PDB file of N, CA and C in Angstrom:
ATOM      1  N   MET A   1     110.225  76.597 113.708  1.00  0.00           N
ATOM      2  CA  MET A   1     110.978  77.667 113.090  1.00  0.00           C
ATOM      3  C   MET A   1     110.119  78.929 113.071  1.00  0.00           C
ATOM      4  N   ALA A   2     110.648  80.016 113.536  1.00  0.00           N
ATOM      5  CA  ALA A   2     109.909  81.278 113.567  1.00  0.00           C
ATOM      6  C   ALA A   2     110.254  82.119 112.340  1.00  0.00           C
ATOM      7  N   TRP A   3     109.234  82.683 111.753  1.00  0.00           N
ATOM      8  CA  TRP A   3     109.414  83.555 110.591  1.00  0.00           C
ATOM      9  C   TRP A   3     109.306  84.995 111.039  1.00  0.00           C
ATOM     10  N   GLY A   4     110.065  85.864 110.427  1.00  0.00           N
ATOM     11  CA  GLY A   4     109.989  87.282 110.739  1.00  0.00           C
ATOM     12  C   GLY A   4     108.814  87.943 110.042  1.00  0.00           C
ATOM     13  N   GLY A   5     108.437  89.089 110.522  1.00  0.00           N
ATOM     14  CA  GLY A   5     107.351  89.830 109.909  1.00  0.00           C
ATOM     15  C   GLY A   5     107.819  90.574 108.670  1.00  0.00           C
ATOM     16  N   CYS A   6     106.908  90.828 107.784  1.00  0.00           N
ATOM     17  CA  CYS A   6     107.252  91.575 106.584  1.00  0.00           C
ATOM     18  C   CYS A   6     106.029  92.318 106.084  1.00  0.00           C
ATOM     19  N   TYR A   7     106.221  93.210 105.173  1.00  0.00           N
ATOM     20  CA  TYR A   7     105.135  93.947 104.541  1.00  0.00           C
ATOM     21  C   TYR A   7     105.240  93.716 103.045  1.00  0.00           C
ATOM     22  N   GLY A   8     104.214  93.165 102.459  1.00  0.00           N
ATOM     23  CA  GLY A   8     104.229  92.943 101.023  1.00  0.00           C
ATOM     24  C   GLY A   8     104.481  91.489 100.674  1.00  0.00           C
ATOM     25  N   ALA A   9     104.697  91.274  99.412  1.00  0.00           N
ATOM     26  CA  ALA A   9     104.851  89.911  98.891  1.00  0.00           C
ATOM     27  C   ALA A   9     106.316  89.488  98.918  1.00  0.00           C
ATOM     28  N   ARG A  10     106.752  88.917 100.018  1.00  0.00           N
ATOM     29  CA  ARG A  10     108.172  88.589 100.162  1.00  0.00           C
ATOM     30  C   ARG A  10     108.610  87.432  99.279  1.00  0.00           C
ATOM     31  N   TYR A  11     107.694  86.558  98.907  1.00  0.00           N
ATOM     32  CA  TYR A  11     108.077  85.406  98.093  1.00  0.00           C
ATOM     33  C   TYR A  11     108.264  85.760  96.626  1.00  0.00           C
ATOM     34  N   SER A  12     107.813  86.933  96.213  1.00  0.00           N
ATOM     35  CA  SER A  12     107.950  87.298  94.802  1.00  0.00           C
ATOM     36  C   SER A  12     108.887  88.484  94.584  1.00  0.00           C
ATOM     37  N   THR A  13     109.694  88.827  95.568  1.00  0.00           N
ATOM     38  CA  THR A  13     110.611  89.958  95.397  1.00  0.00           C
ATOM     39  C   THR A  13     111.664  89.686  94.330  1.00  0.00           C
ATOM     40  N   GLY A  14     112.004  88.434  94.116  1.00  0.00           N
ATOM     41  CA  GLY A  14     112.971  88.082  93.081  1.00  0.00           C
ATOM     42  C   GLY A  14     112.433  88.306  91.670  1.00  0.00           C
ATOM     43  N   LEU A  15     111.133  88.470  91.550  1.00  0.00           N
ATOM     44  CA  LEU A  15     110.530  88.701  90.240  1.00  0.00           C
ATOM     45  C   LEU A  15     110.532  90.183  89.843  1.00  0.00           C
ATOM     46  N   ALA A  16     110.773  91.076  90.772  1.00  0.00           N
ATOM     47  CA  ALA A  16     110.711  92.512  90.497  1.00  0.00           C
ATOM     48  C   ALA A  16     111.613  92.941  89.327  1.00  0.00           C
ATOM     49  N   PRO A  17     112.866  92.494  89.242  1.00  0.00           N
ATOM     50  CA  PRO A  17     113.686  92.898  88.090  1.00  0.00           C
ATOM     51  C   PRO A  17     113.116  92.402  86.757  1.00  0.00           C
ATOM     52  N   TRP A  18     112.513  91.223  86.763  1.00  0.00           N
ATOM     53  CA  TRP A  18     111.939  90.697  85.528  1.00  0.00           C
ATOM     54  C   TRP A  18     110.690  91.470  85.117  1.00  0.00           C
ATOM     55  N   PHE A  19     109.869  91.867  86.089  1.00  0.00           N
ATOM     56  CA  PHE A  19     108.709  92.692  85.772  1.00  0.00           C
ATOM     57  C   PHE A  19     109.138  94.054  85.242  1.00  0.00           C
ATOM     58  N   THR A  20     110.225  94.596  85.786  1.00  0.00           N
ATOM     59  CA  THR A  20     110.750  95.864  85.295  1.00  0.00           C
ATOM     60  C   THR A  20     111.232  95.722  83.857  1.00  0.00           C
ATOM     61  N   LEU A  21     111.944  94.654  83.583  1.00  0.00           N
ATOM     62  CA  LEU A  21     112.409  94.397  82.222  1.00  0.00           C
ATOM     63  C   LEU A  21     111.231  94.259  81.255  1.00  0.00           C
ATOM     64  N   LEU A  22     110.208  93.512  81.650  1.00  0.00           N
ATOM     65  CA  LEU A  22     109.024  93.367  80.800  1.00  0.00           C
ATOM     66  C   LEU A  22     108.328  94.705  80.566  1.00  0.00           C
ATOM     67  N   ALA A  23     108.277  95.548  81.586  1.00  0.00           N
ATOM     68  CA  ALA A  23     107.658  96.860  81.434  1.00  0.00           C
ATOM     69  C   ALA A  23     108.441  97.727  80.448  1.00  0.00           C
ATOM     70  N   VAL A  24     109.756  97.709  80.556  1.00  0.00           N
ATOM     71  CA  VAL A  24     110.597  98.495  79.644  1.00  0.00           C
ATOM     72  C   VAL A  24     110.432  97.999  78.207  1.00  0.00           C
ATOM     73  N   ILE A  25     110.443  96.688  78.024  1.00  0.00           N
ATOM     74  CA  ILE A  25     110.264  96.128  76.681  1.00  0.00           C
ATOM     75  C   ILE A  25     108.880  96.478  76.138  1.00  0.00           C
ATOM     76  N   GLY A  26     107.860  96.419  76.984  1.00  0.00           N
ATOM     77  CA  GLY A  26     106.504  96.756  76.557  1.00  0.00           C
ATOM     78  C   GLY A  26     106.357  98.212  76.150  1.00  0.00           C
ATOM     79  N   VAL A  27     106.928  99.117  76.926  1.00  0.00           N
ATOM     80  CA  VAL A  27     106.861 100.546  76.586  1.00  0.00           C
ATOM     81  C   VAL A  27     107.630 100.819  75.302  1.00  0.00           C
ATOM     82  N   ARG A  28     108.774 100.191  75.160  1.00  0.00           N
ATOM     83  CA  ARG A  28     109.558 100.375  73.929  1.00  0.00           C
ATOM     84  C   ARG A  28     108.782  99.886  72.704  1.00  0.00           C
ATOM     85  N   ALA A  29     108.150  98.722  72.810  1.00  0.00           N
ATOM     86  CA  ALA A  29     107.357  98.184  71.704  1.00  0.00           C
ATOM     87  C   ALA A  29     106.164  99.082  71.411  1.00  0.00           C
ATOM     88  N   LEU A  30     105.527  99.609  72.452  1.00  0.00           N
ATOM     89  CA  LEU A  30     104.394 100.509  72.274  1.00  0.00           C
ATOM     90  C   LEU A  30     104.805 101.744  71.488  1.00  0.00           C
ATOM     91  N   LEU A  31     105.941 102.302  71.831  1.00  0.00           N
ATOM     92  CA  LEU A  31     106.407 103.506  71.144  1.00  0.00           C
ATOM     93  C   LEU A  31     106.919 103.202  69.740  1.00  0.00           C
ATOM     94  N   ASP A  32     107.546 102.035  69.553  1.00  0.00           N
ATOM     95  CA  ASP A  32     108.059 101.669  68.228  1.00  0.00           C
ATOM     96  C   ASP A  32     106.945 101.411  67.229  1.00  0.00           C
ATOM     97  N   HIS A  33     105.890 100.783  67.651  1.00  0.00           N
ATOM     98  CA  HIS A  33     104.841 100.366  66.725  1.00  0.00           C
ATOM     99  C   HIS A  33     103.647 101.306  66.693  1.00  0.00           C
ATOM    100  N   GLY A  34     103.583 102.211  67.620  1.00  0.00           N
ATOM    101  CA  GLY A  34     102.382 103.040  67.680  1.00  0.00           C
ATOM    102  C   GLY A  34     102.610 104.513  67.455  1.00  0.00           C
ATOM    103  N   GLY A  35     103.794 104.907  67.158  1.00  0.00           N
ATOM    104  CA  GLY A  35     104.029 106.325  66.919  1.00  0.00           C
ATOM    105  C   GLY A  35     104.691 107.010  68.090  1.00  0.00           C
ATOM    106  N   SER A  36     104.199 108.174  68.414  1.00  0.00           N
ATOM    107  CA  SER A  36     104.876 109.019  69.396  1.00  0.00           C
ATOM    108  C   SER A  36     104.073 109.133  70.691  1.00  0.00           C
ATOM    109  N   TRP A  37     104.597 109.902  71.603  1.00  0.00           N
ATOM    110  CA  TRP A  37     104.029 110.113  72.931  1.00  0.00           C
ATOM    111  C   TRP A  37     102.565 110.551  72.891  1.00  0.00           C
ATOM    112  N   PRO A  38     102.164 111.532  72.088  1.00  0.00           N
ATOM    113  CA  PRO A  38     100.755 111.959  72.116  1.00  0.00           C
ATOM    114  C   PRO A  38      99.764 110.845  71.769  1.00  0.00           C
ATOM    115  N   ASN A  39     100.170 109.864  70.980  1.00  0.00           N
ATOM    116  CA  ASN A  39      99.277 108.773  70.623  1.00  0.00           C
ATOM    117  C   ASN A  39      98.973 107.856  71.810  1.00  0.00           C
ATOM    118  N   HIS A  40      99.844 107.818  72.799  1.00  0.00           N
ATOM    119  CA  HIS A  40      99.692 106.913  73.938  1.00  0.00           C
ATOM    120  C   HIS A  40      99.695 107.662  75.265  1.00  0.00           C
ATOM    121  N   ARG A  41      99.273 108.886  75.244  1.00  0.00           N
ATOM    122  CA  ARG A  41      99.306 109.707  76.464  1.00  0.00           C
ATOM    123  C   ARG A  41      98.485 109.073  77.583  1.00  0.00           C
ATOM    124  N   GLY A  42      97.279 108.595  77.277  1.00  0.00           N
ATOM    125  CA  GLY A  42      96.422 107.991  78.301  1.00  0.00           C
ATOM    126  C   GLY A  42      97.044 106.753  78.923  1.00  0.00           C
ATOM    127  N   THR A  43      97.643 105.924  78.085  1.00  0.00           N
ATOM    128  CA  THR A  43      98.290 104.703  78.578  1.00  0.00           C
ATOM    129  C   THR A  43      99.470 105.047  79.482  1.00  0.00           C
ATOM    130  N   MET A  44     100.271 106.006  79.072  1.00  0.00           N
ATOM    131  CA  MET A  44     101.436 106.405  79.874  1.00  0.00           C
ATOM    132  C   MET A  44     101.006 107.057  81.192  1.00  0.00           C
ATOM    133  N   ILE A  45      99.954 107.877  81.147  1.00  0.00           N
ATOM    134  CA  ILE A  45      99.472 108.521  82.374  1.00  0.00           C
ATOM    135  C   ILE A  45      98.910 107.473  83.331  1.00  0.00           C
ATOM    136  N   ALA A  46      98.144 106.515  82.811  1.00  0.00           N
ATOM    137  CA  ALA A  46      97.603 105.446  83.660  1.00  0.00           C
ATOM    138  C   ALA A  46      98.732 104.626  84.268  1.00  0.00           C
ATOM    139  N   GLY A  47      99.735 104.283  83.477  1.00  0.00           N
ATOM    140  CA  GLY A  47     100.875 103.528  83.996  1.00  0.00           C
ATOM    141  C   GLY A  47     101.638 104.309  85.055  1.00  0.00           C
ATOM    142  N   GLY A  48     101.834 105.600  84.824  1.00  0.00           N
ATOM    143  CA  GLY A  48     102.514 106.444  85.806  1.00  0.00           C
ATOM    144  C   GLY A  48     101.720 106.574  87.100  1.00  0.00           C
ATOM    145  N   ALA A  49     100.396 106.686  86.974  1.00  0.00           N
ATOM    146  CA  ALA A  49      99.545 106.778  88.166  1.00  0.00           C
ATOM    147  C   ALA A  49      99.592 105.486  88.971  1.00  0.00           C
ATOM    148  N   LEU A  50      99.561 104.342  88.283  1.00  0.00           N
ATOM    149  CA  LEU A  50      99.651 103.065  88.989  1.00  0.00           C
ATOM    150  C   LEU A  50     101.016 102.877  89.649  1.00  0.00           C
ATOM    151  N   LEU A  51     102.070 103.337  88.983  1.00  0.00           N
ATOM    152  CA  LEU A  51     103.407 103.276  89.572  1.00  0.00           C
ATOM    153  C   LEU A  51     103.479 104.140  90.824  1.00  0.00           C
ATOM    154  N   ALA A  52     102.946 105.368  90.751  1.00  0.00           N
ATOM    155  CA  ALA A  52     102.952 106.262  91.909  1.00  0.00           C
ATOM    156  C   ALA A  52     102.142 105.675  93.060  1.00  0.00           C
ATOM    157  N   LEU A  53     100.992 105.065  92.758  1.00  0.00           N
ATOM    158  CA  LEU A  53     100.178 104.435  93.791  1.00  0.00           C
ATOM    159  C   LEU A  53     100.925 103.279  94.449  1.00  0.00           C
ATOM    160  N   SER A  54     101.610 102.485  93.651  1.00  0.00           N
ATOM    161  CA  SER A  54     102.390 101.370  94.179  1.00  0.00           C
ATOM    162  C   SER A  54     103.493 101.859  95.111  1.00  0.00           C
ATOM    163  N   ILE A  55     104.196 102.896  94.698  1.00  0.00           N
ATOM    164  CA  ILE A  55     105.264 103.452  95.535  1.00  0.00           C
ATOM    165  C   ILE A  55     104.686 103.998  96.834  1.00  0.00           C
ATOM    166  N   PHE A  56     103.557 104.697  96.752  1.00  0.00           N
ATOM    167  CA  PHE A  56     102.924 105.257  97.950  1.00  0.00           C
ATOM    168  C   PHE A  56     102.524 104.154  98.931  1.00  0.00           C
ATOM    169  N   ILE A  57     101.868 103.112  98.426  1.00  0.00           N
ATOM    170  CA  ILE A  57     101.400 102.029  99.295  1.00  0.00           C
ATOM    171  C   ILE A  57     102.581 101.327  99.961  1.00  0.00           C
ATOM    172  N   ASN A  58     103.622 101.014  99.209  1.00  0.00           N
ATOM    173  CA  ASN A  58     104.772 100.318  99.780  1.00  0.00           C
ATOM    174  C   ASN A  58     105.575 101.206 100.719  1.00  0.00           C
ATOM    175  N   ALA A  59     105.696 102.488 100.404  1.00  0.00           N
ATOM    176  CA  ALA A  59     106.408 103.407 101.288  1.00  0.00           C
ATOM    177  C   ALA A  59     105.643 103.581 102.595  1.00  0.00           C
ATOM    178  N   ARG A  60     104.328 103.654 102.506  1.00  0.00           N
ATOM    179  CA  ARG A  60     103.503 103.777 103.711  1.00  0.00           C
ATOM    180  C   ARG A  60     103.712 102.568 104.627  1.00  0.00           C
ATOM    181  N   GLY A  61     103.742 101.393 104.044  1.00  0.00           N
ATOM    182  CA  GLY A  61     103.968 100.190 104.841  1.00  0.00           C
ATOM    183  C   GLY A  61     105.374 100.111 105.400  1.00  0.00           C
ATOM    184  N   ALA A  62     106.331 100.661 104.676  1.00  0.00           N
ATOM    185  CA  ALA A  62     107.727 100.573 105.112  1.00  0.00           C
ATOM    186  C   ALA A  62     108.054 101.537 106.246  1.00  0.00           C
ATOM    187  N   VAL A  63     107.402 102.687 106.296  1.00  0.00           N
ATOM    188  CA  VAL A  63     107.763 103.695 107.290  1.00  0.00           C
ATOM    189  C   VAL A  63     106.727 103.863 108.394  1.00  0.00           C
ATOM    190  N   SER A  64     105.627 103.138 108.322  1.00  0.00           N
ATOM    191  CA  SER A  64     104.563 103.274 109.319  1.00  0.00           C
ATOM    192  C   SER A  64     104.908 102.513 110.597  1.00  0.00           C
ATOM    193  N   TYR A  65     104.695 103.144 111.723  1.00  0.00           N
ATOM    194  CA  TYR A  65     104.936 102.495 113.011  1.00  0.00           C
ATOM    195  C   TYR A  65     103.959 101.343 113.224  1.00  0.00           C
ATOM    196  N   GLU A  66     102.729 101.511 112.757  1.00  0.00           N
ATOM    197  CA  GLU A  66     101.725 100.462 112.908  1.00  0.00           C
ATOM    198  C   GLU A  66     102.128  99.167 112.205  1.00  0.00           C
ATOM    199  N   THR A  67     102.867  99.282 111.101  1.00  0.00           N
ATOM    200  CA  THR A  67     103.326  98.096 110.390  1.00  0.00           C
ATOM    201  C   THR A  67     104.274  97.286 111.265  1.00  0.00           C
ATOM    202  N   SER A  68     105.092  97.957 112.050  1.00  0.00           N
ATOM    203  CA  SER A  68     106.018  97.239 112.929  1.00  0.00           C
ATOM    204  C   SER A  68     105.272  96.524 114.056  1.00  0.00           C
ATOM    205  N   LEU A  69     104.070  96.971 114.374  1.00  0.00           N
ATOM    206  CA  LEU A  69     103.273  96.324 115.413  1.00  0.00           C
ATOM    207  C   LEU A  69     102.474  95.138 114.881  1.00  0.00           C
ATOM    208  N   TRP A  70     102.460  94.939 113.572  1.00  0.00           N
ATOM    209  CA  TRP A  70     101.647  93.907 112.943  1.00  0.00           C
ATOM    210  C   TRP A  70     101.930  92.523 113.526  1.00  0.00           C
ATOM    211  N   LYS A  71     103.177  92.182 113.680  1.00  0.00           N
ATOM    212  CA  LYS A  71     103.548  90.854 114.175  1.00  0.00           C
ATOM    213  C   LYS A  71     103.025  90.644 115.601  1.00  0.00           C
ATOM    214  N   ARG A  72     103.089  91.658 116.422  1.00  0.00           N
ATOM    215  CA  ARG A  72     102.615  91.546 117.799  1.00  0.00           C
ATOM    216  C   ARG A  72     101.097  91.439 117.855  1.00  0.00           C
ATOM    217  N   LEU A  73     100.412  92.132 116.965  1.00  0.00           N
ATOM    218  CA  LEU A  73      98.954  92.146 116.987  1.00  0.00           C
ATOM    219  C   LEU A  73      98.350  90.862 116.418  1.00  0.00           C
ATOM    220  N   THR A  74      99.029  90.220 115.463  1.00  0.00           N
ATOM    221  CA  THR A  74      98.489  89.029 114.835  1.00  0.00           C
ATOM    222  C   THR A  74      99.028  87.742 115.453  1.00  0.00           C
ATOM    223  N   GLY A  75     100.118  87.825 116.166  1.00  0.00           N
ATOM    224  CA  GLY A  75     100.767  86.612 116.609  1.00  0.00           C
ATOM    225  C   GLY A  75     100.469  86.237 117.988  1.00  0.00           C
TER     226      GLY A  75
END
């Protein structure tokens, strides 16, 4: 059986909605129990930076021509 090529963690894509839900619940709890935005500015900025980095890395893999050559180069 031949498997197709992919970029990223294909076996855990079904977990993405659950991780999103956990993130939303975590941010809500952080804001409910810790006060307002200025109290958690560093945490929110770090989370936003990590989110932006994740989007950049995955977008780069999705639109890069070299990624499409991966299967030919490794197989």
